[in-house]
Amino acid sequence: MKPSRVEFLQGTLDMLILRTLALGPLHGYGVAQAIRQTTEAAIQVEAGSLYPALQRLEMQGLVTAKWEVSERNHRTRSYRLTAAGRKRLHAEVSRWEDFVHAVSLVLNPQPMEE
């Protein structure tokens, strides 16, 4: 059974979140900002997608979360990558690179030999 478009998009978002958290712990807004900045604003993750993804990743044991008090004295939830999250990230990046390679073969076909 082929993955649906939603699963593909969720998987991509999950990979981007895991990769972002590989650099260090962040709160949700920080994750969204880091993805936006890293992609030169090409990808802007909305809260309605980000927080369910973070919750899903936490339930899968790929990230942990804890409440902290920010510099402005606000409670924020900080997310950190787990060992299982690092392992999943490695697998997802490898799968993504295989996909990109396959697409590049279609976009840049080699001349056929006769």
N, C-alpha and C. Protein backbone atom coordinates (compact mmCIF):
# COMPACT_ATOMS: atom_id res chain seq x y z
N MET A 1 0.85 -1.18 0.00
CA MET A 1 0.00 0.00 0.00
C MET A 1 0.89 1.24 0.00
N LYS A 2 0.62 2.15 -0.89
CA LYS A 2 1.40 3.39 -1.00
C LYS A 2 1.01 4.35 0.11
N PRO A 3 1.99 5.12 0.64
CA PRO A 3 1.65 6.12 1.65
C PRO A 3 0.82 7.24 1.03
N SER A 4 -0.11 7.76 1.81
CA SER A 4 -0.93 8.86 1.31
C SER A 4 -0.13 10.16 1.33
N ARG A 5 -0.65 11.16 0.65
CA ARG A 5 0.00 12.47 0.61
C ARG A 5 0.17 13.02 2.03
N VAL A 6 -0.83 12.84 2.88
CA VAL A 6 -0.77 13.34 4.25
C VAL A 6 0.36 12.66 5.00
N GLU A 7 0.50 11.33 4.86
CA GLU A 7 1.58 10.61 5.53
C GLU A 7 2.93 11.10 5.04
N PHE A 8 3.04 11.32 3.73
CA PHE A 8 4.29 11.82 3.16
C PHE A 8 4.63 13.18 3.75
N LEU A 9 3.65 14.07 3.81
CA LEU A 9 3.89 15.40 4.35
C LEU A 9 4.22 15.34 5.83
N GLN A 10 3.51 14.49 6.59
CA GLN A 10 3.80 14.35 8.02
C GLN A 10 5.21 13.82 8.21
N GLY A 11 5.59 12.82 7.41
CA GLY A 11 6.92 12.25 7.51
C GLY A 11 7.99 13.27 7.22
N THR A 12 7.75 14.12 6.25
CA THR A 12 8.71 15.17 5.91
C THR A 12 8.80 16.19 7.03
N LEU A 13 7.67 16.60 7.57
CA LEU A 13 7.68 17.55 8.68
C LEU A 13 8.37 16.94 9.89
N ASP A 14 8.07 15.68 10.18
CA ASP A 14 8.72 15.01 11.31
C ASP A 14 10.23 15.01 11.13
N MET A 15 10.70 14.70 9.93
CA MET A 15 12.14 14.69 9.66
C MET A 15 12.74 16.08 9.86
N LEU A 16 12.07 17.12 9.39
CA LEU A 16 12.57 18.48 9.55
C LEU A 16 12.64 18.87 11.04
N ILE A 17 11.65 18.46 11.80
CA ILE A 17 11.64 18.76 13.23
C ILE A 17 12.78 18.01 13.93
N LEU A 18 12.91 16.73 13.62
CA LEU A 18 13.98 15.94 14.24
C LEU A 18 15.35 16.53 13.90
N ARG A 19 15.54 16.92 12.64
CA ARG A 19 16.82 17.49 12.22
C ARG A 19 17.09 18.81 12.95
N THR A 20 16.06 19.61 13.10
CA THR A 20 16.20 20.88 13.80
C THR A 20 16.57 20.66 15.26
N LEU A 21 15.93 19.69 15.91
CA LEU A 21 16.21 19.40 17.31
C LEU A 21 17.56 18.70 17.49
N ALA A 22 18.13 18.14 16.43
CA ALA A 22 19.46 17.53 16.52
C ALA A 22 20.51 18.59 16.86
N LEU A 23 20.20 19.84 16.58
CA LEU A 23 21.13 20.94 16.88
C LEU A 23 21.05 21.39 18.34
N GLY A 24 20.01 20.96 19.03
CA GLY A 24 19.84 21.32 20.43
C GLY A 24 18.38 21.53 20.77
N PRO A 25 18.06 21.57 22.07
CA PRO A 25 16.66 21.72 22.48
C PRO A 25 16.09 23.09 22.11
N LEU A 26 14.82 23.08 21.79
CA LEU A 26 14.10 24.32 21.42
C LEU A 26 12.65 24.22 21.87
N HIS A 27 12.02 25.35 22.04
CA HIS A 27 10.57 25.36 22.24
C HIS A 27 9.91 25.34 20.87
N GLY A 28 8.62 25.09 20.84
CA GLY A 28 7.92 24.93 19.56
C GLY A 28 8.11 26.09 18.60
N TYR A 29 7.94 27.31 19.09
CA TYR A 29 8.10 28.48 18.23
C TYR A 29 9.53 28.53 17.68
N GLY A 30 10.50 28.16 18.51
CA GLY A 30 11.90 28.14 18.07
C GLY A 30 12.12 27.13 16.96
N VAL A 31 11.45 25.98 17.03
CA VAL A 31 11.54 24.97 15.97
C VAL A 31 11.01 25.56 14.67
N ALA A 32 9.84 26.18 14.73
CA ALA A 32 9.23 26.77 13.53
C ALA A 32 10.14 27.85 12.94
N GLN A 33 10.69 28.69 13.79
CA GLN A 33 11.57 29.77 13.32
C GLN A 33 12.85 29.20 12.71
N ALA A 34 13.42 28.18 13.32
CA ALA A 34 14.65 27.58 12.79
C ALA A 34 14.40 26.98 11.42
N ILE A 35 13.28 26.30 11.23
CA ILE A 35 12.96 25.72 9.92
C ILE A 35 12.77 26.83 8.90
N ARG A 36 12.05 27.87 9.28
CA ARG A 36 11.83 28.99 8.37
C ARG A 36 13.17 29.63 7.97
N GLN A 37 14.02 29.89 8.94
CA GLN A 37 15.31 30.54 8.65
C GLN A 37 16.23 29.64 7.82
N THR A 38 16.29 28.37 8.18
CA THR A 38 17.17 27.44 7.48
C THR A 38 16.76 27.28 6.02
N THR A 39 15.46 27.31 5.76
CA THR A 39 14.96 27.12 4.38
C THR A 39 14.78 28.45 3.65
N GLU A 40 15.32 29.52 4.22
CA GLU A 40 15.19 30.86 3.63
C GLU A 40 13.73 31.20 3.36
N ALA A 41 12.89 30.85 4.33
CA ALA A 41 11.44 31.12 4.35
C ALA A 41 10.66 30.33 3.30
N ALA A 42 11.29 29.34 2.68
CA ALA A 42 10.58 28.50 1.71
C ALA A 42 9.59 27.58 2.41
N ILE A 43 9.91 27.20 3.64
CA ILE A 43 9.01 26.34 4.43
C ILE A 43 8.67 27.08 5.71
N GLN A 44 7.39 27.32 5.89
CA GLN A 44 6.90 27.99 7.09
C GLN A 44 5.88 27.07 7.75
N VAL A 45 6.26 26.52 8.88
CA VAL A 45 5.43 25.54 9.58
C VAL A 45 4.44 26.28 10.47
N GLU A 46 3.17 26.03 10.24
CA GLU A 46 2.12 26.66 11.03
C GLU A 46 1.92 25.89 12.34
N ALA A 47 1.46 26.59 13.35
CA ALA A 47 1.24 25.99 14.67
C ALA A 47 0.30 24.78 14.58
N GLY A 48 -0.69 24.85 13.70
CA GLY A 48 -1.66 23.77 13.56
C GLY A 48 -1.05 22.49 13.02
N SER A 49 0.11 22.57 12.42
CA SER A 49 0.84 21.39 11.97
C SER A 49 1.97 21.04 12.93
N LEU A 50 2.64 22.07 13.45
CA LEU A 50 3.82 21.86 14.27
C LEU A 50 3.51 21.15 15.59
N TYR A 51 2.55 21.67 16.34
CA TYR A 51 2.31 21.12 17.68
C TYR A 51 1.74 19.70 17.66
N PRO A 52 0.85 19.36 16.73
CA PRO A 52 0.47 17.94 16.64
C PRO A 52 1.66 17.04 16.26
N ALA A 53 2.55 17.54 15.41
CA ALA A 53 3.74 16.76 15.04
C ALA A 53 4.65 16.57 16.25
N LEU A 54 4.87 17.62 17.02
CA LEU A 54 5.70 17.50 18.22
C LEU A 54 5.08 16.51 19.21
N GLN A 55 3.77 16.57 19.36
CA GLN A 55 3.08 15.64 20.26
C GLN A 55 3.22 14.21 19.76
N ARG A 56 3.06 14.01 18.45
CA ARG A 56 3.19 12.68 17.85
C ARG A 56 4.61 12.14 18.08
N LEU A 57 5.63 12.99 17.86
CA LEU A 57 7.01 12.58 18.05
C LEU A 57 7.30 12.26 19.52
N GLU A 58 6.68 13.01 20.41
CA GLU A 58 6.86 12.74 21.84
C GLU A 58 6.21 11.40 22.21
N MET A 59 5.03 11.14 21.70
CA MET A 59 4.35 9.88 21.98
C MET A 59 5.12 8.69 21.43
N GLN A 60 5.86 8.89 20.35
CA GLN A 60 6.67 7.82 19.76
C GLN A 60 8.02 7.67 20.46
N GLY A 61 8.32 8.54 21.42
CA GLY A 61 9.57 8.47 22.15
C GLY A 61 10.76 9.03 21.38
N LEU A 62 10.48 9.82 20.34
CA LEU A 62 11.55 10.38 19.51
C LEU A 62 12.03 11.73 20.03
N VAL A 63 11.18 12.40 20.81
CA VAL A 63 11.56 13.63 21.49
C VAL A 63 11.02 13.57 22.91
N THR A 64 11.66 14.33 23.78
CA THR A 64 11.12 14.52 25.13
C THR A 64 10.79 16.00 25.27
N ALA A 65 9.91 16.29 26.20
CA ALA A 65 9.52 17.68 26.40
C ALA A 65 9.44 17.96 27.90
N LYS A 66 9.79 19.19 28.25
CA LYS A 66 9.62 19.61 29.65
C LYS A 66 9.27 21.09 29.68
N TRP A 67 8.54 21.45 30.72
CA TRP A 67 8.16 22.85 30.90
C TRP A 67 9.33 23.60 31.52
N GLU A 68 9.58 24.80 31.02
CA GLU A 68 10.63 25.67 31.54
C GLU A 68 10.08 27.09 31.62
N VAL A 69 10.77 27.94 32.32
CA VAL A 69 10.41 29.35 32.41
C VAL A 69 11.37 30.12 31.50
N SER A 70 10.81 30.91 30.59
CA SER A 70 11.62 31.67 29.63
C SER A 70 12.25 32.88 30.29
N GLU A 71 13.11 33.56 29.54
CA GLU A 71 13.75 34.78 30.02
C GLU A 71 12.72 35.86 30.35
N ARG A 72 11.58 35.81 29.69
CA ARG A 72 10.51 36.78 29.93
C ARG A 72 9.53 36.30 31.00
N ASN A 73 9.92 35.25 31.71
CA ASN A 73 9.12 34.69 32.79
C ASN A 73 7.81 34.06 32.31
N HIS A 74 7.85 33.49 31.10
CA HIS A 74 6.71 32.75 30.56
C HIS A 74 7.04 31.26 30.59
N ARG A 75 6.03 30.45 30.82
CA ARG A 75 6.23 29.00 30.76
C ARG A 75 6.28 28.58 29.30
N THR A 76 7.32 27.86 28.94
CA THR A 76 7.45 27.32 27.58
C THR A 76 7.78 25.84 27.67
N ARG A 77 7.39 25.13 26.65
CA ARG A 77 7.67 23.69 26.59
C ARG A 77 8.87 23.50 25.67
N SER A 78 9.93 22.95 26.20
CA SER A 78 11.17 22.75 25.47
C SER A 78 11.26 21.30 25.01
N TYR A 79 11.65 21.10 23.75
CA TYR A 79 11.73 19.77 23.15
C TYR A 79 13.18 19.39 22.91
N ARG A 80 13.48 18.12 23.14
CA ARG A 80 14.85 17.60 22.98
C ARG A 80 14.78 16.26 22.24
N LEU A 81 15.72 16.03 21.35
CA LEU A 81 15.81 14.78 20.61
C LEU A 81 16.29 13.66 21.53
N THR A 82 15.70 12.48 21.41
CA THR A 82 16.14 11.31 22.17
C THR A 82 17.07 10.47 21.30
N ALA A 83 17.67 9.43 21.90
CA ALA A 83 18.52 8.51 21.14
C ALA A 83 17.70 7.84 20.04
N ALA A 84 16.46 7.46 20.36
CA ALA A 84 15.58 6.86 19.35
C ALA A 84 15.27 7.86 18.25
N GLY A 85 15.15 9.13 18.61
CA GLY A 85 14.92 10.18 17.61
C GLY A 85 16.10 10.34 16.68
N ARG A 86 17.31 10.24 17.22
CA ARG A 86 18.52 10.33 16.38
C ARG A 86 18.57 9.16 15.40
N LYS A 87 18.22 7.98 15.89
CA LYS A 87 18.21 6.80 15.02
C LYS A 87 17.18 6.96 13.91
N ARG A 88 15.98 7.42 14.27
CA ARG A 88 14.92 7.62 13.27
C ARG A 88 15.34 8.70 12.27
N LEU A 89 15.95 9.77 12.76
CA LEU A 89 16.41 10.84 11.88
C LEU A 89 17.38 10.29 10.84
N HIS A 90 18.33 9.49 11.27
CA HIS A 90 19.30 8.90 10.35
C HIS A 90 18.59 8.08 9.27
N ALA A 91 17.63 7.26 9.68
CA ALA A 91 16.88 6.43 8.73
C ALA A 91 16.07 7.28 7.77
N GLU A 92 15.41 8.33 8.28
CA GLU A 92 14.58 9.18 7.44
C GLU A 92 15.42 9.99 6.45
N VAL A 93 16.58 10.48 6.89
CA VAL A 93 17.45 11.23 5.99
C VAL A 93 17.94 10.31 4.87
N SER A 94 18.30 9.10 5.21
CA SER A 94 18.75 8.14 4.20
C SER A 94 17.64 7.86 3.19
N ARG A 95 16.42 7.66 3.70
CA ARG A 95 15.27 7.41 2.81
C ARG A 95 15.00 8.63 1.93
N TRP A 96 15.09 9.83 2.51
CA TRP A 96 14.86 11.06 1.76
C TRP A 96 15.92 11.23 0.66
N GLU A 97 17.17 10.95 0.99
CA GLU A 97 18.24 11.07 -0.01
C GLU A 97 18.03 10.09 -1.17
N ASP A 98 17.55 8.88 -0.87
CA ASP A 98 17.23 7.92 -1.93
C ASP A 98 16.11 8.46 -2.82
N PHE A 99 15.10 9.08 -2.20
CA PHE A 99 13.99 9.65 -2.95
C PHE A 99 14.47 10.79 -3.85
N VAL A 100 15.28 11.68 -3.30
CA VAL A 100 15.81 12.81 -4.07
C VAL A 100 16.64 12.30 -5.25
N HIS A 101 17.44 11.28 -5.02
CA HIS A 101 18.24 10.70 -6.10
C HIS A 101 17.34 10.16 -7.20
N ALA A 102 16.28 9.44 -6.82
CA ALA A 102 15.36 8.88 -7.82
C ALA A 102 14.69 9.98 -8.63
N VAL A 103 14.26 11.04 -7.97
CA VAL A 103 13.62 12.16 -8.68
C VAL A 103 14.63 12.83 -9.61
N SER A 104 15.86 12.98 -9.16
CA SER A 104 16.86 13.62 -10.02
C SER A 104 17.14 12.78 -11.26
N LEU A 105 17.02 11.46 -11.17
CA LEU A 105 17.19 10.62 -12.35
C LEU A 105 16.09 10.89 -13.38
N VAL A 106 14.91 11.18 -12.90
CA VAL A 106 13.79 11.50 -13.81
C VAL A 106 13.98 12.90 -14.40
N LEU A 107 14.39 13.84 -13.57
CA LEU A 107 14.54 15.23 -14.03
C LEU A 107 15.75 15.40 -14.95
N ASN A 108 16.77 14.58 -14.76
CA ASN A 108 18.00 14.70 -15.55
C ASN A 108 18.35 13.32 -16.13
N PRO A 109 17.53 12.85 -17.08
CA PRO A 109 17.77 11.50 -17.60
C PRO A 109 19.08 11.42 -18.40
N GLN A 110 19.70 10.26 -18.31
CA GLN A 110 20.91 10.01 -19.08
C GLN A 110 20.49 9.55 -20.48
N PRO A 111 21.29 9.89 -21.50
CA PRO A 111 20.94 9.43 -22.86
C PRO A 111 20.91 7.90 -22.91
N MET A 112 19.97 7.39 -23.66
CA MET A 112 19.81 5.92 -23.80
C MET A 112 20.89 5.41 -24.73
N GLU A 113 21.49 4.27 -24.35
CA GLU A 113 22.48 3.63 -25.21
C GLU A 113 21.76 2.70 -26.15
N GLU A 114 22.25 2.62 -27.40
CA GLU A 114 21.62 1.73 -28.38
C GLU A 114 22.41 0.49 -28.58
